[in-house]
Amino acid sequence: MKQEERSQRTREKIIAAAVKEFGSKGYEGGTVGSICRTGINKGLIYHYFEGKDDLYLRCVKISRDMLLGAIERRNSEHPDNSGTESVSLLMETRMEFGKAHPMESHILFQALLDPPEHLRDTISSILAPLQDENLRVCRKMLSQLPLREGITEKQGERYFLLMQQMFNEYFSSAAVRDKSVDERIALHEKSVPEFLDIMIYGLADNRKQ
């Protein structure tokens, strides 16, 4: 086996162990020492990675790329879906991804909602393509809605981004801190359709006023 192939296999082995470590324990609970106890030499970890932060960020990137790949494949299978269908497809893809890749799903969820403070900006940049996909679906949905007089698609987009931030902040708050990661993810994904419905159509039934 060539040296390049051995190096690649070693990196893959380290990443696999790190994904399991951070996916099950989060950034705060995960340690390089625990990864070493899976049978990986600490010297090799520091040969290929600068340390815990570098390794964690690599796991976030890999998890992001896996989810983006699943979303792109689903989009290519349904190129002509409507705005409402786009939302449903995105939610289905995320749920299926979570079931098939629970550790990577945990990493993405925690990176989005509970990022280490000193890595917040870097993680935000890494996750930007996923946020762009959310925005793409929002724009498609807005373009097909009969908006109220005086409301532009640009205003709707800004409102969506604001409400999305508030929605995610709730799932970072003490209100759900007692729940496990799996419980928080399930509640988050289950709440998204209801959140979008109320955001778009409101609470009041104007026909009864």
N, C-alpha and C. Protein backbone atom coordinates (compact mmCIF):
# COMPACT_ATOMS: atom_id res chain seq x y z
N MET A 1 0.84 -1.20 0.00
CA MET A 1 0.00 0.00 0.00
C MET A 1 0.88 1.26 0.00
N LYS A 2 0.56 2.22 -0.86
CA LYS A 2 1.34 3.44 -0.94
C LYS A 2 1.13 4.29 0.32
N GLN A 3 2.12 5.14 0.61
CA GLN A 3 2.06 6.01 1.79
C GLN A 3 0.83 6.91 1.75
N GLU A 4 0.51 7.42 0.55
CA GLU A 4 -0.66 8.30 0.43
C GLU A 4 -1.94 7.57 0.81
N GLU A 5 -2.06 6.31 0.42
CA GLU A 5 -3.24 5.52 0.74
C GLU A 5 -3.30 5.24 2.23
N ARG A 6 -2.14 4.94 2.84
CA ARG A 6 -2.11 4.70 4.29
C ARG A 6 -2.51 5.95 5.05
N SER A 7 -2.01 7.10 4.58
CA SER A 7 -2.35 8.36 5.24
C SER A 7 -3.84 8.65 5.14
N GLN A 8 -4.41 8.39 3.97
CA GLN A 8 -5.84 8.62 3.77
C GLN A 8 -6.67 7.73 4.68
N ARG A 9 -6.29 6.47 4.78
CA ARG A 9 -7.02 5.54 5.65
C ARG A 9 -6.90 5.95 7.11
N THR A 10 -5.73 6.44 7.49
CA THR A 10 -5.54 6.89 8.88
C THR A 10 -6.43 8.08 9.17
N ARG A 11 -6.46 9.05 8.25
CA ARG A 11 -7.33 10.22 8.44
C ARG A 11 -8.78 9.81 8.54
N GLU A 12 -9.20 8.89 7.68
CA GLU A 12 -10.59 8.43 7.69
C GLU A 12 -10.92 7.73 9.02
N LYS A 13 -9.97 6.95 9.54
CA LYS A 13 -10.18 6.27 10.81
C LYS A 13 -10.32 7.27 11.96
N ILE A 14 -9.49 8.30 11.93
CA ILE A 14 -9.55 9.35 12.97
C ILE A 14 -10.88 10.09 12.87
N ILE A 15 -11.28 10.46 11.64
CA ILE A 15 -12.53 11.19 11.46
C ILE A 15 -13.72 10.36 11.92
N ALA A 16 -13.73 9.08 11.58
CA ALA A 16 -14.85 8.21 11.98
C ALA A 16 -14.97 8.16 13.49
N ALA A 17 -13.84 8.05 14.18
CA ALA A 17 -13.86 8.01 15.64
C ALA A 17 -14.30 9.37 16.20
N ALA A 18 -13.86 10.45 15.56
CA ALA A 18 -14.21 11.79 16.04
C ALA A 18 -15.70 12.08 15.83
N VAL A 19 -16.25 11.65 14.71
CA VAL A 19 -17.69 11.84 14.46
C VAL A 19 -18.50 11.13 15.54
N LYS A 20 -18.10 9.93 15.88
CA LYS A 20 -18.80 9.19 16.93
C LYS A 20 -18.64 9.88 18.28
N GLU A 21 -17.45 10.39 18.55
CA GLU A 21 -17.18 11.07 19.82
C GLU A 21 -18.00 12.35 19.96
N PHE A 22 -17.90 13.23 18.96
CA PHE A 22 -18.62 14.51 19.04
C PHE A 22 -20.11 14.33 18.81
N GLY A 23 -20.49 13.34 18.02
CA GLY A 23 -21.91 13.09 17.78
C GLY A 23 -22.62 12.59 19.01
N SER A 24 -21.92 11.84 19.85
CA SER A 24 -22.54 11.28 21.05
C SER A 24 -22.35 12.17 22.28
N LYS A 25 -21.28 12.97 22.31
CA LYS A 25 -20.97 13.76 23.51
C LYS A 25 -21.00 15.27 23.29
N GLY A 26 -21.10 15.70 22.03
CA GLY A 26 -21.04 17.12 21.75
C GLY A 26 -19.61 17.63 21.81
N TYR A 27 -19.43 18.92 21.49
CA TYR A 27 -18.09 19.48 21.52
C TYR A 27 -17.53 19.50 22.93
N GLU A 28 -18.32 19.95 23.88
CA GLU A 28 -17.84 20.09 25.25
C GLU A 28 -17.45 18.75 25.86
N GLY A 29 -18.25 17.72 25.60
CA GLY A 29 -17.99 16.42 26.20
C GLY A 29 -16.94 15.61 25.47
N GLY A 30 -16.74 15.90 24.19
CA GLY A 30 -15.80 15.14 23.39
C GLY A 30 -14.36 15.52 23.69
N THR A 31 -13.46 14.54 23.70
CA THR A 31 -12.05 14.80 23.97
C THR A 31 -11.17 13.99 23.03
N VAL A 32 -9.99 14.52 22.78
CA VAL A 32 -9.00 13.80 21.98
C VAL A 32 -8.60 12.52 22.71
N GLY A 33 -8.53 12.59 24.05
CA GLY A 33 -8.16 11.42 24.84
C GLY A 33 -9.12 10.25 24.62
N SER A 34 -10.42 10.56 24.57
CA SER A 34 -11.40 9.50 24.35
C SER A 34 -11.25 8.90 22.95
N ILE A 35 -10.94 9.75 21.98
CA ILE A 35 -10.73 9.25 20.62
C ILE A 35 -9.52 8.32 20.60
N CYS A 36 -8.50 8.68 21.34
CA CYS A 36 -7.30 7.82 21.41
C CYS A 36 -7.62 6.46 22.01
N ARG A 37 -8.57 6.44 22.93
CA ARG A 37 -8.90 5.17 23.59
C ARG A 37 -9.62 4.19 22.65
N THR A 38 -9.94 4.63 21.44
CA THR A 38 -10.50 3.71 20.45
C THR A 38 -9.41 2.94 19.72
N GLY A 39 -8.16 3.24 20.08
CA GLY A 39 -7.04 2.54 19.46
C GLY A 39 -6.24 3.39 18.50
N ILE A 40 -6.44 4.70 18.54
CA ILE A 40 -5.72 5.62 17.65
C ILE A 40 -4.63 6.32 18.44
N ASN A 41 -3.43 6.32 17.91
CA ASN A 41 -2.29 6.95 18.57
C ASN A 41 -2.46 8.48 18.58
N LYS A 42 -2.25 9.10 19.74
CA LYS A 42 -2.43 10.54 19.86
C LYS A 42 -1.49 11.30 18.92
N GLY A 43 -0.28 10.76 18.74
CA GLY A 43 0.66 11.42 17.84
C GLY A 43 0.14 11.51 16.42
N LEU A 44 -0.58 10.46 15.98
CA LEU A 44 -1.15 10.47 14.64
C LEU A 44 -2.24 11.54 14.51
N ILE A 45 -3.04 11.69 15.57
CA ILE A 45 -4.09 12.72 15.53
C ILE A 45 -3.47 14.09 15.35
N TYR A 46 -2.42 14.38 16.13
CA TYR A 46 -1.80 15.71 16.05
C TYR A 46 -0.89 15.85 14.82
N HIS A 47 -0.61 14.74 14.18
CA HIS A 47 0.11 14.82 12.91
C HIS A 47 -0.81 15.29 11.79
N TYR A 48 -2.05 14.82 11.81
CA TYR A 48 -3.00 15.14 10.74
C TYR A 48 -3.91 16.32 11.09
N PHE A 49 -4.08 16.61 12.36
CA PHE A 49 -4.98 17.69 12.79
C PHE A 49 -4.29 18.55 13.85
N GLU A 50 -4.66 19.83 13.88
CA GLU A 50 -4.02 20.75 14.81
C GLU A 50 -4.44 20.51 16.26
N GLY A 51 -5.60 19.92 16.44
CA GLY A 51 -6.09 19.68 17.80
C GLY A 51 -7.59 19.45 17.80
N LYS A 52 -8.21 19.57 18.93
CA LYS A 52 -9.63 19.29 19.07
C LYS A 52 -10.48 20.18 18.18
N ASP A 53 -10.20 21.47 18.15
CA ASP A 53 -11.01 22.39 17.36
C ASP A 53 -10.95 22.04 15.87
N ASP A 54 -9.75 21.80 15.39
CA ASP A 54 -9.57 21.45 13.98
C ASP A 54 -10.32 20.17 13.64
N LEU A 55 -10.24 19.20 14.52
CA LEU A 55 -10.90 17.92 14.30
C LEU A 55 -12.42 18.08 14.34
N TYR A 56 -12.90 18.86 15.29
CA TYR A 56 -14.35 19.09 15.40
C TYR A 56 -14.88 19.80 14.16
N LEU A 57 -14.18 20.84 13.72
CA LEU A 57 -14.63 21.59 12.55
C LEU A 57 -14.63 20.71 11.30
N ARG A 58 -13.66 19.80 11.23
CA ARG A 58 -13.64 18.87 10.10
C ARG A 58 -14.88 17.98 10.13
N CYS A 59 -15.28 17.56 11.32
CA CYS A 59 -16.49 16.73 11.45
C CYS A 59 -17.73 17.52 11.04
N VAL A 60 -17.79 18.80 11.42
CA VAL A 60 -18.92 19.64 11.03
C VAL A 60 -18.97 19.78 9.51
N LYS A 61 -17.83 19.99 8.87
CA LYS A 61 -17.79 20.13 7.41
C LYS A 61 -18.23 18.85 6.71
N ILE A 62 -17.72 17.73 7.19
CA ILE A 62 -18.08 16.45 6.57
C ILE A 62 -19.57 16.18 6.73
N SER A 63 -20.12 16.47 7.91
CA SER A 63 -21.55 16.27 8.15
C SER A 63 -22.38 17.19 7.26
N ARG A 64 -21.92 18.43 7.13
CA ARG A 64 -22.61 19.38 6.24
C ARG A 64 -22.63 18.88 4.81
N ASP A 65 -21.48 18.42 4.34
CA ASP A 65 -21.38 17.96 2.95
C ASP A 65 -22.27 16.75 2.70
N MET A 66 -22.37 15.87 3.69
CA MET A 66 -23.23 14.70 3.55
C MET A 66 -24.69 15.11 3.42
N LEU A 67 -25.13 16.06 4.27
CA LEU A 67 -26.52 16.51 4.20
C LEU A 67 -26.78 17.28 2.91
N LEU A 68 -25.85 18.14 2.50
CA LEU A 68 -26.02 18.87 1.24
C LEU A 68 -26.12 17.91 0.06
N GLY A 69 -25.32 16.85 0.09
CA GLY A 69 -25.38 15.86 -0.98
C GLY A 69 -26.75 15.20 -1.04
N ALA A 70 -27.31 14.87 0.13
CA ALA A 70 -28.64 14.26 0.17
C ALA A 70 -29.70 15.22 -0.35
N ILE A 71 -29.58 16.51 0.02
CA ILE A 71 -30.54 17.52 -0.45
C ILE A 71 -30.44 17.71 -1.96
N GLU A 72 -29.22 17.77 -2.48
CA GLU A 72 -29.02 17.97 -3.92
C GLU A 72 -29.57 16.79 -4.71
N ARG A 73 -29.37 15.58 -4.20
CA ARG A 73 -29.91 14.40 -4.89
C ARG A 73 -31.43 14.44 -4.91
N ARG A 74 -32.04 14.81 -3.78
CA ARG A 74 -33.50 14.88 -3.71
C ARG A 74 -34.02 15.98 -4.64
N ASN A 75 -33.33 17.11 -4.69
CA ASN A 75 -33.76 18.19 -5.57
C ASN A 75 -33.69 17.79 -7.04
N SER A 76 -32.64 17.03 -7.40
CA SER A 76 -32.49 16.61 -8.79
C SER A 76 -33.57 15.62 -9.19
N GLU A 77 -34.10 14.90 -8.23
CA GLU A 77 -35.17 13.94 -8.50
C GLU A 77 -36.52 14.63 -8.64
N HIS A 78 -36.63 15.85 -8.09
CA HIS A 78 -37.90 16.59 -8.13
C HIS A 78 -37.63 18.03 -8.57
N PRO A 79 -37.20 18.22 -9.81
CA PRO A 79 -36.80 19.56 -10.26
C PRO A 79 -37.95 20.55 -10.40
N ASP A 80 -39.16 20.07 -10.55
CA ASP A 80 -40.29 20.97 -10.82
C ASP A 80 -41.26 21.10 -9.66
N ASN A 81 -40.79 20.84 -8.44
CA ASN A 81 -41.70 20.91 -7.30
C ASN A 81 -42.08 22.36 -6.99
N SER A 82 -43.24 22.52 -6.36
CA SER A 82 -43.71 23.84 -5.98
C SER A 82 -43.01 24.30 -4.70
N GLY A 83 -43.30 25.54 -4.28
CA GLY A 83 -42.70 26.04 -3.06
C GLY A 83 -43.07 25.21 -1.85
N THR A 84 -44.35 24.85 -1.75
CA THR A 84 -44.81 24.03 -0.62
C THR A 84 -44.17 22.65 -0.66
N GLU A 85 -44.07 22.09 -1.85
CA GLU A 85 -43.44 20.78 -2.00
C GLU A 85 -41.95 20.85 -1.67
N SER A 86 -41.31 21.98 -1.97
CA SER A 86 -39.90 22.15 -1.66
C SER A 86 -39.66 22.07 -0.16
N VAL A 87 -40.56 22.70 0.61
CA VAL A 87 -40.45 22.63 2.06
C VAL A 87 -40.59 21.19 2.54
N SER A 88 -41.59 20.50 2.02
CA SER A 88 -41.83 19.10 2.42
C SER A 88 -40.64 18.22 2.08
N LEU A 89 -40.09 18.41 0.87
CA LEU A 89 -38.95 17.61 0.44
C LEU A 89 -37.73 17.87 1.32
N LEU A 90 -37.51 19.14 1.66
CA LEU A 90 -36.38 19.48 2.52
C LEU A 90 -36.53 18.84 3.89
N MET A 91 -37.73 18.89 4.46
CA MET A 91 -37.97 18.30 5.78
C MET A 91 -37.81 16.78 5.72
N GLU A 92 -38.34 16.16 4.68
CA GLU A 92 -38.22 14.71 4.54
C GLU A 92 -36.75 14.29 4.42
N THR A 93 -36.00 15.06 3.65
CA THR A 93 -34.59 14.74 3.46
C THR A 93 -33.82 14.85 4.76
N ARG A 94 -34.11 15.91 5.53
CA ARG A 94 -33.42 16.09 6.81
C ARG A 94 -33.78 14.98 7.80
N MET A 95 -35.03 14.59 7.82
CA MET A 95 -35.46 13.52 8.72
C MET A 95 -34.82 12.19 8.33
N GLU A 96 -34.79 11.90 7.03
CA GLU A 96 -34.18 10.66 6.56
C GLU A 96 -32.68 10.66 6.83
N PHE A 97 -32.05 11.82 6.67
CA PHE A 97 -30.62 11.94 6.95
C PHE A 97 -30.36 11.65 8.43
N GLY A 98 -31.21 12.20 9.30
CA GLY A 98 -31.04 11.99 10.74
C GLY A 98 -31.15 10.52 11.13
N LYS A 99 -32.06 9.81 10.48
CA LYS A 99 -32.23 8.38 10.78
C LYS A 99 -31.05 7.56 10.26
N ALA A 100 -30.56 7.91 9.07
CA ALA A 100 -29.47 7.16 8.46
C ALA A 100 -28.11 7.51 9.04
N HIS A 101 -27.96 8.75 9.49
CA HIS A 101 -26.67 9.23 9.99
C HIS A 101 -26.87 10.00 11.30
N PRO A 102 -27.23 9.31 12.37
CA PRO A 102 -27.56 10.02 13.62
C PRO A 102 -26.41 10.83 14.21
N MET A 103 -25.18 10.33 14.14
CA MET A 103 -24.06 11.07 14.71
C MET A 103 -23.80 12.37 13.96
N GLU A 104 -23.81 12.29 12.64
CA GLU A 104 -23.61 13.50 11.84
C GLU A 104 -24.76 14.48 12.04
N SER A 105 -25.97 13.96 12.19
CA SER A 105 -27.13 14.81 12.45
C SER A 105 -26.98 15.53 13.78
N HIS A 106 -26.52 14.81 14.80
CA HIS A 106 -26.28 15.42 16.11
C HIS A 106 -25.25 16.55 16.00
N ILE A 107 -24.18 16.28 15.28
CA ILE A 107 -23.11 17.28 15.13
C ILE A 107 -23.65 18.56 14.49
N LEU A 108 -24.43 18.42 13.42
CA LEU A 108 -24.98 19.59 12.74
C LEU A 108 -25.96 20.35 13.62
N PHE A 109 -26.82 19.62 14.30
CA PHE A 109 -27.83 20.25 15.14
C PHE A 109 -27.17 21.05 16.27
N GLN A 110 -26.20 20.45 16.92
CA GLN A 110 -25.54 21.12 18.04
C GLN A 110 -24.65 22.26 17.55
N ALA A 111 -24.03 22.08 16.37
CA ALA A 111 -23.21 23.17 15.82
C ALA A 111 -24.07 24.38 15.48
N LEU A 112 -25.29 24.13 15.01
CA LEU A 112 -26.20 25.22 14.67
C LEU A 112 -26.76 25.92 15.91
N LEU A 113 -27.17 25.13 16.89
CA LEU A 113 -27.88 25.70 18.03
C LEU A 113 -27.00 25.97 19.25
N ASP A 114 -25.95 25.19 19.44
CA ASP A 114 -25.08 25.37 20.61
C ASP A 114 -23.61 25.37 20.21
N PRO A 115 -23.20 26.25 19.32
CA PRO A 115 -21.80 26.24 18.88
C PRO A 115 -20.87 26.72 19.99
N PRO A 116 -19.67 26.16 20.10
CA PRO A 116 -18.68 26.71 21.04
C PRO A 116 -18.46 28.18 20.71
N GLU A 117 -18.47 29.02 21.70
CA GLU A 117 -18.44 30.47 21.47
C GLU A 117 -17.24 30.89 20.62
N HIS A 118 -16.08 30.32 20.90
CA HIS A 118 -14.87 30.74 20.17
C HIS A 118 -14.84 30.23 18.74
N LEU A 119 -15.77 29.32 18.39
CA LEU A 119 -15.84 28.79 17.03
C LEU A 119 -17.11 29.25 16.31
N ARG A 120 -17.88 30.11 16.95
CA ARG A 120 -19.20 30.49 16.42
C ARG A 120 -19.11 31.04 14.99
N ASP A 121 -18.21 31.97 14.75
CA ASP A 121 -18.13 32.59 13.42
C ASP A 121 -17.68 31.58 12.36
N THR A 122 -16.72 30.74 12.72
CA THR A 122 -16.24 29.74 11.77
C THR A 122 -17.34 28.74 11.43
N ILE A 123 -18.08 28.30 12.45
CA ILE A 123 -19.16 27.36 12.23
C ILE A 123 -20.27 28.00 11.39
N SER A 124 -20.56 29.26 11.65
CA SER A 124 -21.58 29.97 10.87
C SER A 124 -21.20 29.97 9.39
N SER A 125 -19.92 30.17 9.10
CA SER A 125 -19.45 30.16 7.72
C SER A 125 -19.56 28.76 7.11
N ILE A 126 -19.24 27.73 7.90
CA ILE A 126 -19.33 26.36 7.41
C ILE A 126 -20.77 25.98 7.09
N LEU A 127 -21.69 26.41 7.95
CA LEU A 127 -23.09 26.03 7.78
C LEU A 127 -23.86 26.93 6.82
N ALA A 128 -23.19 27.97 6.30
CA ALA A 128 -23.86 28.92 5.41
C ALA A 128 -24.55 28.26 4.21
N PRO A 129 -23.95 27.25 3.58
CA PRO A 129 -24.64 26.61 2.44
C PRO A 129 -25.97 25.98 2.83
N LEU A 130 -26.09 25.46 4.05
CA LEU A 130 -27.36 24.90 4.50
C LEU A 130 -28.38 26.01 4.73
N GLN A 131 -27.92 27.14 5.26
CA GLN A 131 -28.81 28.28 5.44
C GLN A 131 -29.24 28.83 4.08
N ASP A 132 -28.32 28.78 3.11
CA ASP A 132 -28.67 29.24 1.76
C ASP A 132 -29.76 28.36 1.15
N GLU A 133 -29.72 27.07 1.45
CA GLU A 133 -30.75 26.17 0.93
C GLU A 133 -32.10 26.49 1.57
N ASN A 134 -32.10 26.78 2.88
CA ASN A 134 -33.34 27.20 3.54
C ASN A 134 -33.90 28.46 2.88
N LEU A 135 -33.00 29.40 2.58
CA LEU A 135 -33.43 30.66 1.98
C LEU A 135 -33.94 30.44 0.56
N ARG A 136 -33.30 29.53 -0.17
CA ARG A 136 -33.75 29.22 -1.54
C ARG A 136 -35.19 28.70 -1.52
N VAL A 137 -35.47 27.78 -0.59
CA VAL A 137 -36.81 27.23 -0.46
C VAL A 137 -37.80 28.32 -0.06
N CYS A 138 -37.37 29.19 0.85
CA CYS A 138 -38.24 30.30 1.28
C CYS A 138 -38.58 31.20 0.09
N ARG A 139 -37.58 31.55 -0.71
CA ARG A 139 -37.82 32.42 -1.86
C ARG A 139 -38.76 31.77 -2.86
N LYS A 140 -38.59 30.48 -3.07
CA LYS A 140 -39.47 29.77 -4.01
C LYS A 140 -40.90 29.78 -3.51
N MET A 141 -41.06 29.59 -2.21
CA MET A 141 -42.39 29.59 -1.62
C MET A 141 -43.02 30.98 -1.72
N LEU A 142 -42.23 32.02 -1.40
CA LEU A 142 -42.75 33.38 -1.44
C LEU A 142 -43.14 33.79 -2.86
N SER A 143 -42.38 33.32 -3.85
CA SER A 143 -42.67 33.69 -5.24
C SER A 143 -43.99 33.13 -5.72
N GLN A 144 -44.51 32.12 -5.03
CA GLN A 144 -45.76 31.47 -5.44
C GLN A 144 -46.93 31.81 -4.53
N LEU A 145 -46.70 32.71 -3.56
CA LEU A 145 -47.76 33.09 -2.64
C LEU A 145 -48.42 34.40 -3.07
N PRO A 146 -49.74 34.52 -2.89
CA PRO A 146 -50.40 35.81 -3.12
C PRO A 146 -50.16 36.72 -1.91
N LEU A 147 -49.12 37.53 -1.97
CA LEU A 147 -48.74 38.36 -0.83
C LEU A 147 -49.73 39.50 -0.61
N ARG A 148 -49.86 39.93 0.65
CA ARG A 148 -50.71 41.06 0.99
C ARG A 148 -50.24 42.30 0.25
N GLU A 149 -51.17 43.21 -0.02
CA GLU A 149 -50.83 44.46 -0.67
C GLU A 149 -49.81 45.22 0.17
N GLY A 150 -48.75 45.68 -0.47
CA GLY A 150 -47.72 46.44 0.23
C GLY A 150 -46.59 45.58 0.77
N ILE A 151 -46.74 44.26 0.73
CA ILE A 151 -45.70 43.34 1.20
C ILE A 151 -44.93 42.80 0.01
N THR A 152 -43.61 43.00 0.01
CA THR A 152 -42.78 42.51 -1.08
C THR A 152 -42.12 41.18 -0.69
N GLU A 153 -41.63 40.48 -1.70
CA GLU A 153 -40.92 39.22 -1.42
C GLU A 153 -39.68 39.48 -0.58
N LYS A 154 -39.02 40.63 -0.79
CA LYS A 154 -37.83 40.98 -0.02
C LYS A 154 -38.18 41.15 1.46
N GLN A 155 -39.32 41.79 1.74
CA GLN A 155 -39.77 41.93 3.12
C GLN A 155 -40.08 40.57 3.72
N GLY A 156 -40.72 39.72 2.93
CA GLY A 156 -41.03 38.37 3.39
C GLY A 156 -39.78 37.59 3.70
N GLU A 157 -38.75 37.77 2.89
CA GLU A 157 -37.48 37.09 3.11
C GLU A 157 -36.84 37.55 4.43
N ARG A 158 -36.84 38.86 4.67
CA ARG A 158 -36.26 39.38 5.92
C ARG A 158 -37.04 38.86 7.13
N TYR A 159 -38.34 38.81 7.00
CA TYR A 159 -39.18 38.30 8.08
C TYR A 159 -38.88 36.83 8.35
N PHE A 160 -38.72 36.07 7.30
CA PHE A 160 -38.39 34.65 7.43
C PHE A 160 -37.08 34.47 8.19
N LEU A 161 -36.04 35.24 7.82
CA LEU A 161 -34.74 35.12 8.46
C LEU A 161 -34.82 35.49 9.94
N LEU A 162 -35.60 36.52 10.25
CA LEU A 162 -35.77 36.93 11.64
C LEU A 162 -36.49 35.85 12.44
N MET A 163 -37.57 35.33 11.89
CA MET A 163 -38.34 34.31 12.59
C MET A 163 -37.55 33.01 12.73
N GLN A 164 -36.75 32.69 11.72
CA GLN A 164 -35.92 31.49 11.79
C GLN A 164 -34.92 31.61 12.93
N GLN A 165 -34.33 32.81 13.09
CA GLN A 165 -33.38 33.03 14.17
C GLN A 165 -34.05 32.86 15.53
N MET A 166 -35.24 33.44 15.68
CA MET A 166 -35.98 33.33 16.95
C MET A 166 -36.39 31.88 17.22
N PHE A 167 -36.78 31.17 16.17
CA PHE A 167 -37.18 29.77 16.29
C PHE A 167 -36.00 28.94 16.79
N ASN A 168 -34.83 29.13 16.19
CA ASN A 168 -33.65 28.37 16.59
C ASN A 168 -33.17 28.75 17.99
N GLU A 169 -33.33 30.02 18.34
CA GLU A 169 -32.93 30.45 19.68
C GLU A 169 -33.75 29.76 20.76
N TYR A 170 -35.02 29.49 20.46
CA TYR A 170 -35.85 28.76 21.42
C TYR A 170 -35.26 27.39 21.70
N PHE A 171 -34.76 26.72 20.64
CA PHE A 171 -34.21 25.38 20.82
C PHE A 171 -32.79 25.41 21.38
N SER A 172 -32.27 26.61 21.65
CA SER A 172 -31.00 26.75 22.36
C SER A 172 -31.23 27.18 23.81
N SER A 173 -32.50 27.41 24.15
CA SER A 173 -32.82 27.99 25.46
C SER A 173 -33.02 26.93 26.54
N ALA A 174 -33.17 27.42 27.75
CA ALA A 174 -33.37 26.53 28.91
C ALA A 174 -34.68 25.75 28.80
N ALA A 175 -35.60 26.22 27.97
CA ALA A 175 -36.91 25.57 27.85
C ALA A 175 -36.79 24.13 27.37
N VAL A 176 -35.72 23.81 26.62
CA VAL A 176 -35.57 22.46 26.09
C VAL A 176 -34.24 21.82 26.50
N ARG A 177 -33.50 22.47 27.41
CA ARG A 177 -32.19 21.96 27.78
C ARG A 177 -32.25 20.62 28.50
N ASP A 178 -33.39 20.29 29.10
CA ASP A 178 -33.49 19.02 29.83
C ASP A 178 -33.75 17.84 28.90
N LYS A 179 -33.95 18.12 27.62
CA LYS A 179 -34.23 17.06 26.66
C LYS A 179 -32.93 16.55 26.03
N SER A 180 -32.94 15.30 25.59
CA SER A 180 -31.78 14.74 24.92
C SER A 180 -31.64 15.36 23.53
N VAL A 181 -30.50 15.16 22.90
CA VAL A 181 -30.29 15.70 21.55
C VAL A 181 -31.32 15.13 20.60
N ASP A 182 -31.57 13.82 20.68
CA ASP A 182 -32.55 13.20 19.78
C ASP A 182 -33.94 13.79 20.00
N GLU A 183 -34.30 14.05 21.26
CA GLU A 183 -35.62 14.63 21.56
C GLU A 183 -35.72 16.05 21.03
N ARG A 184 -34.64 16.82 21.17
CA ARG A 184 -34.64 18.20 20.67
C ARG A 184 -34.72 18.23 19.15
N ILE A 185 -33.99 17.33 18.48
CA ILE A 185 -34.04 17.28 17.03
C ILE A 185 -35.44 16.92 16.55
N ALA A 186 -36.03 15.90 17.18
CA ALA A 186 -37.37 15.45 16.78
C ALA A 186 -38.39 16.57 16.98
N LEU A 187 -38.30 17.27 18.12
CA LEU A 187 -39.23 18.37 18.38
C LEU A 187 -39.00 19.52 17.41
N HIS A 188 -37.75 19.82 17.13
CA HIS A 188 -37.40 20.89 16.19
C HIS A 188 -37.98 20.61 14.80
N GLU A 189 -37.73 19.41 14.28
CA GLU A 189 -38.19 19.08 12.94
C GLU A 189 -39.70 18.97 12.87
N LYS A 190 -40.31 18.45 13.93
CA LYS A 190 -41.77 18.35 13.98
C LYS A 190 -42.42 19.73 14.02
N SER A 191 -41.75 20.69 14.64
CA SER A 191 -42.32 22.03 14.81
C SER A 191 -42.16 22.91 13.58
N VAL A 192 -41.23 22.57 12.68
CA VAL A 192 -40.96 23.44 11.53
C VAL A 192 -42.20 23.66 10.66
N PRO A 193 -42.94 22.60 10.25
CA PRO A 193 -44.13 22.85 9.41
C PRO A 193 -45.15 23.75 10.09
N GLU A 194 -45.39 23.54 11.38
CA GLU A 194 -46.33 24.39 12.12
C GLU A 194 -45.83 25.82 12.18
N PHE A 195 -44.52 25.97 12.43
CA PHE A 195 -43.91 27.30 12.49
C PHE A 195 -44.08 28.04 11.16
N LEU A 196 -43.81 27.33 10.05
CA LEU A 196 -43.94 27.95 8.73
C LEU A 196 -45.39 28.31 8.41
N ASP A 197 -46.31 27.43 8.79
CA ASP A 197 -47.73 27.67 8.51
C ASP A 197 -48.21 28.93 9.23
N ILE A 198 -47.86 29.06 10.51
CA ILE A 198 -48.29 30.23 11.28
C ILE A 198 -47.57 31.48 10.79
N MET A 199 -46.27 31.34 10.45
CA MET A 199 -45.51 32.48 9.97
C MET A 199 -46.12 33.05 8.69
N ILE A 200 -46.56 32.15 7.80
CA ILE A 200 -47.09 32.58 6.50
C ILE A 200 -48.54 33.03 6.57
N TYR A 201 -49.36 32.26 7.28
CA TYR A 201 -50.80 32.52 7.25
C TYR A 201 -51.32 33.21 8.52
N GLY A 202 -50.48 33.33 9.55
CA GLY A 202 -50.87 34.04 10.75
C GLY A 202 -51.71 33.21 11.70
N LEU A 203 -52.12 33.84 12.79
CA LEU A 203 -52.91 33.19 13.82
C LEU A 203 -54.40 33.48 13.68
N ALA A 204 -54.72 34.70 13.28
CA ALA A 204 -56.12 35.12 13.26
C ALA A 204 -56.83 34.67 11.96
N ASP A 205 -58.11 34.32 12.10
CA ASP A 205 -58.93 34.02 10.94
C ASP A 205 -59.68 35.30 10.56
N ASN A 206 -59.18 35.98 9.53
CA ASN A 206 -59.76 37.28 9.16
C ASN A 206 -61.21 37.17 8.72
N ARG A 207 -61.62 35.97 8.32
CA ARG A 207 -63.01 35.82 7.87
C ARG A 207 -63.99 35.97 9.02
N LYS A 208 -63.53 35.82 10.25
CA LYS A 208 -64.43 35.90 11.41
C LYS A 208 -64.38 37.24 12.11
N GLN A 209 -63.65 38.18 11.52
CA GLN A 209 -63.55 39.50 12.14
C GLN A 209 -64.59 40.46 11.56
